[in-house]
Amino acid sequence: MNPELLKTLEAWRLTEDTDTQTQIAALLERLLAAGLMRASPCAVLLGEQYHLGGAEDTRRMAEALGLTRDDRVFDLACYVGGPARQLAREYGCRVVGVDFSKEHIAIADRLTQLCRMEDRVRFVCCDAESVPEPDGAFTVAWSQGSFPSDLSWLTEIHRLLVPGGRVAFTGLIRRSELCDPSRYSLDELRERVAAYGFRVLSAEDISDFDLEYGWYPAKQKLRENEEHCYRLMGEAWVRQAYAELDIDIESWRSGREGNGRIVAVRE
């Protein structure tokens, strides 16, 4: 672990006179600018919710699952814990976030401490295919935007969920023949999930939502804050961020690829 990162995290403070999420976004920006955190250029634009649609997408997925305060959730590829804290805050459930990055977990721990949510949210640094929790420890499995294309995490998810436990995840899908043929279509994704011992409740193409509430707002935010980003991250970073956004927006708009969402129950 980088000693400079740990020193920086110890110095972090939140004040009551500014929105908490606004303060967290600024703290993460400075970490990225200082090279103390590894992430793509879009991480600056997406803040603590490093997935398309931000807090609204998290809310939509929680509603699809019927999340309640009685649920025990584990969040795979939790990044710095934005969705985990939101779920605990808005739904009253308990959440364990899992990520393989020591840096992400250290940041998630510190932000959760600053938000005074350690009683409901905790984090574990480990591989998502080998989570150090007992069988049937959770009622809900959760992952937004980082699910592996081979669906290999589903074996561990099946072990960790109680019978009847629910899982929801977002993953890239093939929407036309022009897309990478190794990527699953939504129907193929549904079939593969069922083969792992789950009953699929819904399989939704959320690509249009991602454009309207994810890619377009991210590019608009970059335009509106371009001078700030130049000062903070440099010209090369700004050029790369525009280039990456344009590639992804065109892929979604053309219908080649997009995101699908699966909600299922462990049999």
Protein backbone atom coordinates (compact mmCIF):
# COMPACT_ATOMS: atom_id res chain seq x y z
CA MET A 1 0.00 0.00 0.00
CA ASN A 2 1.30 3.43 -0.94
CA PRO A 3 2.24 5.30 2.29
CA GLU A 4 1.34 8.60 0.62
CA LEU A 5 -2.17 7.33 -0.07
CA LEU A 6 -2.62 6.27 3.55
CA LYS A 7 -1.36 9.63 4.77
CA THR A 8 -3.75 11.43 2.45
CA LEU A 9 -6.71 9.34 3.59
CA GLU A 10 -5.94 10.04 7.24
CA ALA A 11 -6.08 13.76 6.51
CA TRP A 12 -9.50 13.60 4.87
CA ARG A 13 -12.37 15.39 6.61
CA LEU A 14 -16.02 16.02 5.75
CA THR A 15 -17.87 19.16 6.80
CA GLU A 16 -21.57 19.69 7.43
CA ASP A 17 -21.89 22.81 5.27
CA THR A 18 -21.55 20.99 1.90
CA ASP A 19 -23.30 17.98 0.38
CA THR A 20 -21.45 14.81 1.34
CA GLN A 21 -21.39 13.33 -2.18
CA THR A 22 -20.01 16.61 -3.58
CA GLN A 23 -17.20 16.52 -1.03
CA ILE A 24 -16.44 12.86 -1.75
CA ALA A 25 -16.26 13.57 -5.50
CA ALA A 26 -13.74 16.35 -4.88
CA LEU A 27 -11.60 14.12 -2.65
CA LEU A 28 -11.53 11.38 -5.28
CA GLU A 29 -10.66 13.88 -8.03
CA ARG A 30 -7.59 14.99 -6.12
CA LEU A 31 -6.50 11.39 -5.54
CA LEU A 32 -6.73 10.68 -9.26
CA ALA A 33 -4.91 13.88 -10.17
CA ALA A 34 -2.09 12.98 -7.77
CA GLY A 35 -1.77 9.50 -9.30
CA LEU A 36 -2.68 7.84 -5.99
CA MET A 37 -5.59 5.93 -7.46
CA ARG A 38 -5.76 3.76 -10.57
CA ALA A 39 -8.85 4.22 -12.73
CA SER A 40 -9.94 5.24 -16.21
CA PRO A 41 -10.48 8.92 -17.10
CA CYS A 42 -14.23 8.46 -16.68
CA ALA A 43 -13.69 7.79 -12.97
CA VAL A 44 -13.28 11.53 -12.39
CA LEU A 45 -16.64 12.18 -14.04
CA LEU A 46 -18.53 9.37 -12.29
CA GLY A 47 -17.21 9.94 -8.74
CA GLU A 48 -17.93 7.34 -6.06
CA GLN A 49 -20.57 5.65 -8.25
CA TYR A 50 -18.23 4.25 -10.91
CA HIS A 51 -20.95 2.93 -13.22
CA LEU A 52 -23.41 4.41 -15.68
CA GLY A 53 -26.45 6.15 -14.25
CA GLY A 54 -24.94 6.85 -10.83
CA ALA A 55 -27.19 6.88 -7.78
CA GLU A 56 -30.36 6.61 -9.88
CA ASP A 57 -29.14 3.38 -11.47
CA THR A 58 -28.32 2.01 -8.01
CA ARG A 59 -31.83 2.90 -6.89
CA ARG A 60 -33.42 1.24 -9.94
CA MET A 61 -31.51 -1.99 -9.34
CA ALA A 62 -32.41 -2.00 -5.64
CA GLU A 63 -36.09 -1.60 -6.48
CA ALA A 64 -35.87 -4.43 -9.04
CA LEU A 65 -34.52 -6.65 -6.25
CA GLY A 66 -37.12 -5.52 -3.73
CA LEU A 67 -34.36 -4.63 -1.29
CA THR A 68 -35.37 -4.26 2.39
CA ARG A 69 -33.67 -3.47 5.68
CA ASP A 70 -33.60 -7.21 6.47
CA ASP A 71 -31.30 -7.99 3.54
CA ARG A 72 -27.64 -8.88 3.84
CA VAL A 73 -25.96 -7.71 0.63
CA PHE A 74 -22.55 -8.38 -0.84
CA ASP A 75 -21.37 -6.01 -3.56
CA LEU A 76 -18.82 -7.53 -5.97
CA ALA A 77 -16.32 -5.10 -7.54
CA CYS A 78 -17.48 -2.46 -5.07
CA TYR A 79 -14.86 0.18 -6.09
CA VAL A 80 -14.79 2.80 -3.29
CA GLY A 81 -18.16 1.85 -1.83
CA GLY A 82 -20.56 4.47 -3.22
CA PRO A 83 -23.41 2.03 -3.99
CA ALA A 84 -22.79 0.05 -0.78
CA ARG A 85 -23.20 3.18 1.34
CA GLN A 86 -26.25 4.28 -0.66
CA LEU A 87 -27.98 0.92 -0.16
CA ALA A 88 -27.34 1.01 3.59
CA ARG A 89 -28.41 4.64 3.83
CA GLU A 90 -31.59 4.43 1.74
CA TYR A 91 -32.77 0.87 2.43
CA GLY A 92 -31.34 0.15 5.88
CA CYS A 93 -29.70 -3.14 4.85
CA ARG A 94 -26.23 -4.37 5.79
CA VAL A 95 -23.62 -4.50 3.03
CA VAL A 96 -20.24 -6.16 2.55
CA GLY A 97 -18.25 -4.75 -0.38
CA VAL A 98 -15.63 -6.88 -2.15
CA ASP A 99 -12.85 -5.62 -4.42
CA PHE A 100 -9.42 -6.98 -5.40
CA SER A 101 -7.78 -3.52 -5.17
CA LYS A 102 -6.19 -2.68 -1.81
CA GLU A 103 -6.35 1.01 -2.75
CA HIS A 104 -10.08 0.88 -3.46
CA ILE A 105 -10.78 -0.92 -0.17
CA ALA A 106 -8.65 1.54 1.84
CA ILE A 107 -10.54 4.45 0.28
CA ALA A 108 -13.91 2.73 0.80
CA ASP A 109 -13.08 2.09 4.47
CA ARG A 110 -12.07 5.70 5.06
CA LEU A 111 -15.11 7.20 3.32
CA THR A 112 -17.42 4.87 5.24
CA GLN A 113 -15.76 5.92 8.48
CA LEU A 114 -16.17 9.60 7.60
CA CYS A 115 -19.85 8.96 6.81
CA ARG A 116 -20.21 7.15 10.16
CA MET A 117 -21.62 4.02 8.57
CA GLU A 118 -19.20 1.35 9.83
CA ASP A 119 -22.03 -0.35 11.73
CA ARG A 120 -23.83 -1.21 8.47
CA VAL A 121 -21.12 -1.32 5.79
CA ARG A 122 -17.76 -3.08 5.68
CA PHE A 123 -15.27 -4.03 2.98
CA VAL A 124 -13.05 -7.01 2.15
CA CYS A 125 -10.08 -7.06 -0.21
CA CYS A 126 -10.21 -10.37 -2.08
CA ASP A 127 -10.87 -12.05 -5.41
CA ALA A 128 -14.57 -12.22 -6.26
CA GLU A 129 -14.23 -15.94 -6.98
CA SER A 130 -13.01 -16.66 -3.43
CA VAL A 131 -14.82 -14.53 -0.85
CA PRO A 132 -13.89 -15.30 2.79
CA GLU A 133 -17.48 -15.51 4.01
CA PRO A 134 -19.47 -18.64 4.98
CA ASP A 135 -21.97 -20.45 2.78
CA GLY A 136 -25.39 -18.80 2.77
CA ALA A 137 -24.13 -15.65 4.47
CA PHE A 138 -26.13 -13.27 2.27
CA THR A 139 -29.63 -12.76 0.92
CA VAL A 140 -28.58 -10.52 -2.01
CA ALA A 141 -25.65 -10.47 -4.45
CA TRP A 142 -24.97 -7.23 -6.30
CA SER A 143 -22.64 -6.01 -9.06
CA GLN A 144 -22.88 -2.94 -11.29
CA GLY A 145 -20.94 -2.78 -14.52
CA SER A 146 -17.93 -4.99 -13.71
CA PHE A 147 -19.31 -8.50 -14.09
CA PRO A 148 -16.92 -10.85 -15.97
CA SER A 149 -17.90 -11.86 -19.48
CA ASP A 150 -17.51 -15.55 -18.62
CA LEU A 151 -19.93 -15.23 -15.66
CA SER A 152 -17.44 -17.11 -13.47
CA TRP A 153 -18.49 -15.19 -10.36
CA LEU A 154 -21.86 -16.94 -10.37
CA THR A 155 -20.38 -20.10 -8.82
CA GLU A 156 -19.24 -18.15 -5.76
CA ILE A 157 -22.46 -16.15 -5.69
CA HIS A 158 -24.46 -19.39 -5.58
CA ARG A 159 -22.41 -20.55 -2.59
CA LEU A 160 -22.73 -17.28 -0.67
CA LEU A 161 -26.48 -16.83 -1.15
CA VAL A 162 -29.14 -18.46 0.98
CA PRO A 163 -31.59 -20.65 -0.99
CA GLY A 164 -34.02 -18.17 -2.53
CA GLY A 165 -31.46 -15.40 -2.32
CA ARG A 166 -31.51 -12.83 -5.12
CA VAL A 167 -28.80 -11.62 -7.47
CA ALA A 168 -28.72 -8.58 -9.75
CA PHE A 169 -25.87 -7.58 -12.00
CA THR A 170 -25.09 -5.40 -15.01
CA GLY A 171 -22.92 -6.69 -17.85
CA LEU A 172 -21.95 -5.85 -21.41
CA ILE A 173 -24.11 -7.52 -24.07
CA ARG A 174 -23.96 -8.05 -27.80
CA ARG A 175 -26.80 -6.14 -29.48
CA SER A 176 -25.96 -6.75 -33.14
CA GLU A 177 -23.87 -9.01 -35.35
CA LEU A 178 -21.30 -6.18 -35.62
CA CYS A 179 -20.37 -6.62 -31.97
CA ASP A 180 -17.68 -8.95 -30.63
CA PRO A 181 -19.14 -12.45 -31.24
CA SER A 182 -17.63 -13.72 -27.98
CA ARG A 183 -19.96 -11.42 -26.04
CA TYR A 184 -23.36 -12.83 -25.02
CA SER A 185 -26.65 -11.48 -26.32
CA LEU A 186 -29.28 -10.78 -23.66
CA ASP A 187 -31.07 -14.07 -24.40
CA GLU A 188 -27.79 -15.99 -24.21
CA LEU A 189 -26.99 -14.26 -20.93
CA ARG A 190 -30.32 -15.37 -19.52
CA GLU A 191 -29.65 -18.98 -20.55
CA ARG A 192 -26.14 -19.00 -19.07
CA VAL A 193 -27.31 -17.60 -15.73
CA ALA A 194 -30.01 -20.29 -15.52
CA ALA A 195 -27.36 -22.94 -16.15
CA TYR A 196 -25.56 -21.85 -12.96
CA GLY A 197 -28.59 -22.75 -10.83
CA PHE A 198 -30.60 -19.53 -10.87
CA ARG A 199 -34.16 -18.77 -11.91
CA VAL A 200 -34.09 -15.59 -13.98
CA LEU A 201 -36.80 -13.10 -13.00
CA SER A 202 -35.91 -10.45 -15.55
CA ALA A 203 -33.39 -9.80 -18.31
CA GLU A 204 -33.45 -6.15 -19.37
CA ASP A 205 -31.54 -4.22 -22.02
CA ILE A 206 -30.69 -0.98 -20.18
CA SER A 207 -28.57 0.54 -22.96
CA ASP A 208 -30.97 3.43 -23.68
CA PHE A 209 -31.08 4.31 -19.99
CA ASP A 210 -27.28 4.22 -19.92
CA LEU A 211 -27.09 6.68 -22.80
CA GLU A 212 -29.57 9.12 -21.32
CA TYR A 213 -28.44 8.95 -17.71
CA GLY A 214 -24.84 7.77 -18.08
CA TRP A 215 -22.82 8.50 -21.21
CA TYR A 216 -24.52 11.77 -22.24
CA PRO A 217 -24.41 13.36 -18.76
CA ALA A 218 -20.76 12.29 -18.37
CA LYS A 219 -19.79 14.05 -21.59
CA GLN A 220 -21.86 17.10 -20.66
CA LYS A 221 -20.13 17.25 -17.29
CA LEU A 222 -16.75 17.12 -19.03
CA ARG A 223 -17.76 20.01 -21.31
CA GLU A 224 -19.05 22.11 -18.42
CA ASN A 225 -15.95 21.45 -16.30
CA GLU A 226 -13.34 21.36 -19.07
CA GLU A 227 -11.20 24.20 -17.68
CA HIS A 228 -11.27 22.65 -14.22
CA CYS A 229 -10.23 19.28 -15.67
CA TYR A 230 -7.42 20.90 -17.66
CA ARG A 231 -6.04 22.45 -14.48
CA LEU A 232 -6.50 19.32 -12.38
CA MET A 233 -5.67 16.49 -14.79
CA GLY A 234 -3.90 18.08 -17.76
CA GLU A 235 -4.60 18.40 -21.49
CA ALA A 236 -3.70 14.79 -22.38
CA TRP A 237 -6.20 13.48 -19.82
CA VAL A 238 -8.98 15.68 -21.21
CA ARG A 239 -8.30 14.53 -24.77
CA GLN A 240 -8.30 10.89 -23.67
CA ALA A 241 -11.54 11.32 -21.71
CA TYR A 242 -13.32 12.81 -24.75
CA ALA A 243 -11.97 10.05 -26.99
CA GLU A 244 -13.11 7.25 -24.66
CA LEU A 245 -16.55 8.80 -24.20
CA ASP A 246 -17.04 9.24 -27.94
CA ILE A 247 -16.09 5.61 -28.65
CA ASP A 248 -18.49 4.25 -26.06
CA ILE A 249 -21.35 6.60 -27.00
CA GLU A 250 -21.06 5.63 -30.66
CA SER A 251 -21.02 1.92 -29.79
CA TRP A 252 -24.20 2.30 -27.69
CA ARG A 253 -25.96 4.59 -30.22
CA SER A 254 -25.18 2.33 -33.15
CA GLY A 255 -26.71 -0.65 -31.37
CA ARG A 256 -23.55 -2.74 -31.54
CA GLU A 257 -23.23 -3.26 -27.80
CA GLY A 258 -24.70 -2.06 -24.56
CA ASN A 259 -25.55 -3.17 -21.05
CA GLY A 260 -27.95 -5.83 -19.90
CA ARG A 261 -29.30 -6.34 -16.40
CA ILE A 262 -30.16 -9.70 -14.91
CA VAL A 263 -32.25 -10.22 -11.79
CA ALA A 264 -32.45 -13.83 -10.63
CA VAL A 265 -33.13 -16.10 -7.65
CA ARG A 266 -30.91 -18.88 -6.39
CA GLU A 267 -32.72 -22.20 -6.81
